[in-house]
Amino acid sequence: MDLPGFDRITVDPLVMGGKPCLRGLRVTVGTIIGLVAAGASFSEILKLYPYLEEADIRAALSYGAWRTEEHDFPLQVA
């Protein structure tokens, strides 16, 4: 599934149970956000995941911020 404006974020039901991941890799957006929230620097994250790029970390943070602003409203059934 392609997400407009988030070309580094992929959602595939066959990868990590459909959680948003970075570039189809088995690294979830939530993992990266959790590391940043725990105080990990970008360089520390890139050492843990050498196949990632700084742009991936920024994309994960941007996607997370976007998701917090998104609202789901239930539809009333008549």
C-alpha atoms as a PDB file:
ATOM      1  CA  MET A   1       0.000   0.000   0.000  1.00  0.00           C
ATOM      2  CA  ASP A   2       1.426   3.381  -0.973  1.00  0.00           C
ATOM      3  CA  LEU A   3       0.885   6.303   1.351  1.00  0.00           C
ATOM      4  CA  PRO A   4       0.850   9.684  -0.395  1.00  0.00           C
ATOM      5  CA  GLY A   5       3.693  11.848   0.876  1.00  0.00           C
ATOM      6  CA  PHE A   6       5.297   8.967   2.746  1.00  0.00           C
ATOM      7  CA  ASP A   7       7.279   7.172   0.055  1.00  0.00           C
ATOM      8  CA  ARG A   8       9.578   5.531   2.633  1.00  0.00           C
ATOM      9  CA  ILE A   9       6.675   4.099   4.650  1.00  0.00           C
ATOM     10  CA  THR A  10       5.192   0.816   3.490  1.00  0.00           C
ATOM     11  CA  VAL A  11       2.235  -1.179   4.754  1.00  0.00           C
ATOM     12  CA  ASP A  12       2.075  -4.814   3.694  1.00  0.00           C
ATOM     13  CA  PRO A  13      -0.053  -7.397   5.501  1.00  0.00           C
ATOM     14  CA  LEU A  14       2.718  -9.949   4.855  1.00  0.00           C
ATOM     15  CA  VAL A  15       5.427  -7.851   6.544  1.00  0.00           C
ATOM     16  CA  MET A  16       5.285  -7.354  10.326  1.00  0.00           C
ATOM     17  CA  GLY A  17       1.556  -8.034  10.382  1.00  0.00           C
ATOM     18  CA  GLY A  18       0.732  -4.982   8.293  1.00  0.00           C
ATOM     19  CA  LYS A  19       2.325  -2.463  10.647  1.00  0.00           C
ATOM     20  CA  PRO A  20       3.838   0.591   8.947  1.00  0.00           C
ATOM     21  CA  CYS A  21       7.473  -0.211   8.114  1.00  0.00           C
ATOM     22  CA  LEU A  22      10.406   1.560   6.532  1.00  0.00           C
ATOM     23  CA  ARG A  23      10.951   0.765   2.847  1.00  0.00           C
ATOM     24  CA  GLY A  24       9.468  -2.721   3.119  1.00  0.00           C
ATOM     25  CA  LEU A  25      12.087  -3.728   5.668  1.00  0.00           C
ATOM     26  CA  ARG A  26      11.171  -5.467   8.894  1.00  0.00           C
ATOM     27  CA  VAL A  27      11.686  -2.284  10.913  1.00  0.00           C
ATOM     28  CA  THR A  28       8.463  -0.685  12.075  1.00  0.00           C
ATOM     29  CA  VAL A  29       7.754   2.994  12.417  1.00  0.00           C
ATOM     30  CA  GLY A  30       6.829   2.273  16.033  1.00  0.00           C
ATOM     31  CA  THR A  31      10.258   0.787  16.734  1.00  0.00           C
ATOM     32  CA  ILE A  32      12.019   3.888  15.462  1.00  0.00           C
ATOM     33  CA  ILE A  33       9.699   6.277  17.294  1.00  0.00           C
ATOM     34  CA  GLY A  34      10.181   4.256  20.471  1.00  0.00           C
ATOM     35  CA  LEU A  35      13.958   4.464  20.161  1.00  0.00           C
ATOM     36  CA  VAL A  36      13.852   8.227  19.636  1.00  0.00           C
ATOM     37  CA  ALA A  37      11.463   8.615  22.583  1.00  0.00           C
ATOM     38  CA  ALA A  38      13.863   6.587  24.741  1.00  0.00           C
ATOM     39  CA  GLY A  39      16.639   9.041  23.911  1.00  0.00           C
ATOM     40  CA  ALA A  40      18.504   7.238  21.124  1.00  0.00           C
ATOM     41  CA  SER A  41      20.264   9.553  18.717  1.00  0.00           C
ATOM     42  CA  PHE A  42      19.988   9.184  14.973  1.00  0.00           C
ATOM     43  CA  SER A  43      23.550   7.878  14.835  1.00  0.00           C
ATOM     44  CA  GLU A  44      22.795   5.266  17.512  1.00  0.00           C
ATOM     45  CA  ILE A  45      19.751   4.084  15.565  1.00  0.00           C
ATOM     46  CA  LEU A  46      21.780   3.907  12.355  1.00  0.00           C
ATOM     47  CA  LYS A  47      24.368   1.764  14.151  1.00  0.00           C
ATOM     48  CA  LEU A  48      21.610  -0.592  15.332  1.00  0.00           C
ATOM     49  CA  TYR A  49      20.081  -0.712  11.837  1.00  0.00           C
ATOM     50  CA  PRO A  50      22.941  -0.030   9.377  1.00  0.00           C
ATOM     51  CA  TYR A  51      20.652  -0.607   6.378  1.00  0.00           C
ATOM     52  CA  LEU A  52      18.533   2.411   7.331  1.00  0.00           C
ATOM     53  CA  GLU A  53      19.207   5.990   6.304  1.00  0.00           C
ATOM     54  CA  GLU A  54      18.700   9.200   8.245  1.00  0.00           C
ATOM     55  CA  ALA A  55      15.823  10.006   5.888  1.00  0.00           C
ATOM     56  CA  ASP A  56      14.101   6.817   7.091  1.00  0.00           C
ATOM     57  CA  ILE A  57      14.202   8.014  10.694  1.00  0.00           C
ATOM     58  CA  ARG A  58      12.825  11.399   9.701  1.00  0.00           C
ATOM     59  CA  ALA A  59      10.088   9.706   7.657  1.00  0.00           C
ATOM     60  CA  ALA A  60       9.111   7.547  10.652  1.00  0.00           C
ATOM     61  CA  LEU A  61       8.844  10.610  12.876  1.00  0.00           C
ATOM     62  CA  SER A  62       6.838  12.517  10.264  1.00  0.00           C
ATOM     63  CA  TYR A  63       4.485   9.584   9.760  1.00  0.00           C
ATOM     64  CA  GLY A  64       3.999   9.206  13.509  1.00  0.00           C
ATOM     65  CA  ALA A  65       3.199  12.902  13.851  1.00  0.00           C
ATOM     66  CA  TRP A  66       0.738  12.700  10.965  1.00  0.00           C
ATOM     67  CA  ARG A  67      -1.009   9.680  12.506  1.00  0.00           C
ATOM     68  CA  THR A  68      -1.549  11.495  15.794  1.00  0.00           C
ATOM     69  CA  GLU A  69      -3.440  14.206  13.924  1.00  0.00           C
ATOM     70  CA  GLU A  70      -5.605  11.793  11.952  1.00  0.00           C
ATOM     71  CA  HIS A  71      -9.087  11.202  13.337  1.00  0.00           C
ATOM     72  CA  ASP A  72     -11.399   8.300  12.685  1.00  0.00           C
ATOM     73  CA  PHE A  73     -15.074   9.007  13.019  1.00  0.00           C
ATOM     74  CA  PRO A  74     -17.509   6.101  13.218  1.00  0.00           C
ATOM     75  CA  LEU A  75     -20.349   6.237  10.751  1.00  0.00           C
ATOM     76  CA  GLN A  76     -23.803   5.953  12.177  1.00  0.00           C
ATOM     77  CA  VAL A  77     -25.871   3.184  10.684  1.00  0.00           C
ATOM     78  CA  ALA A  78     -29.476   4.134  10.035  1.00  0.00           C
END
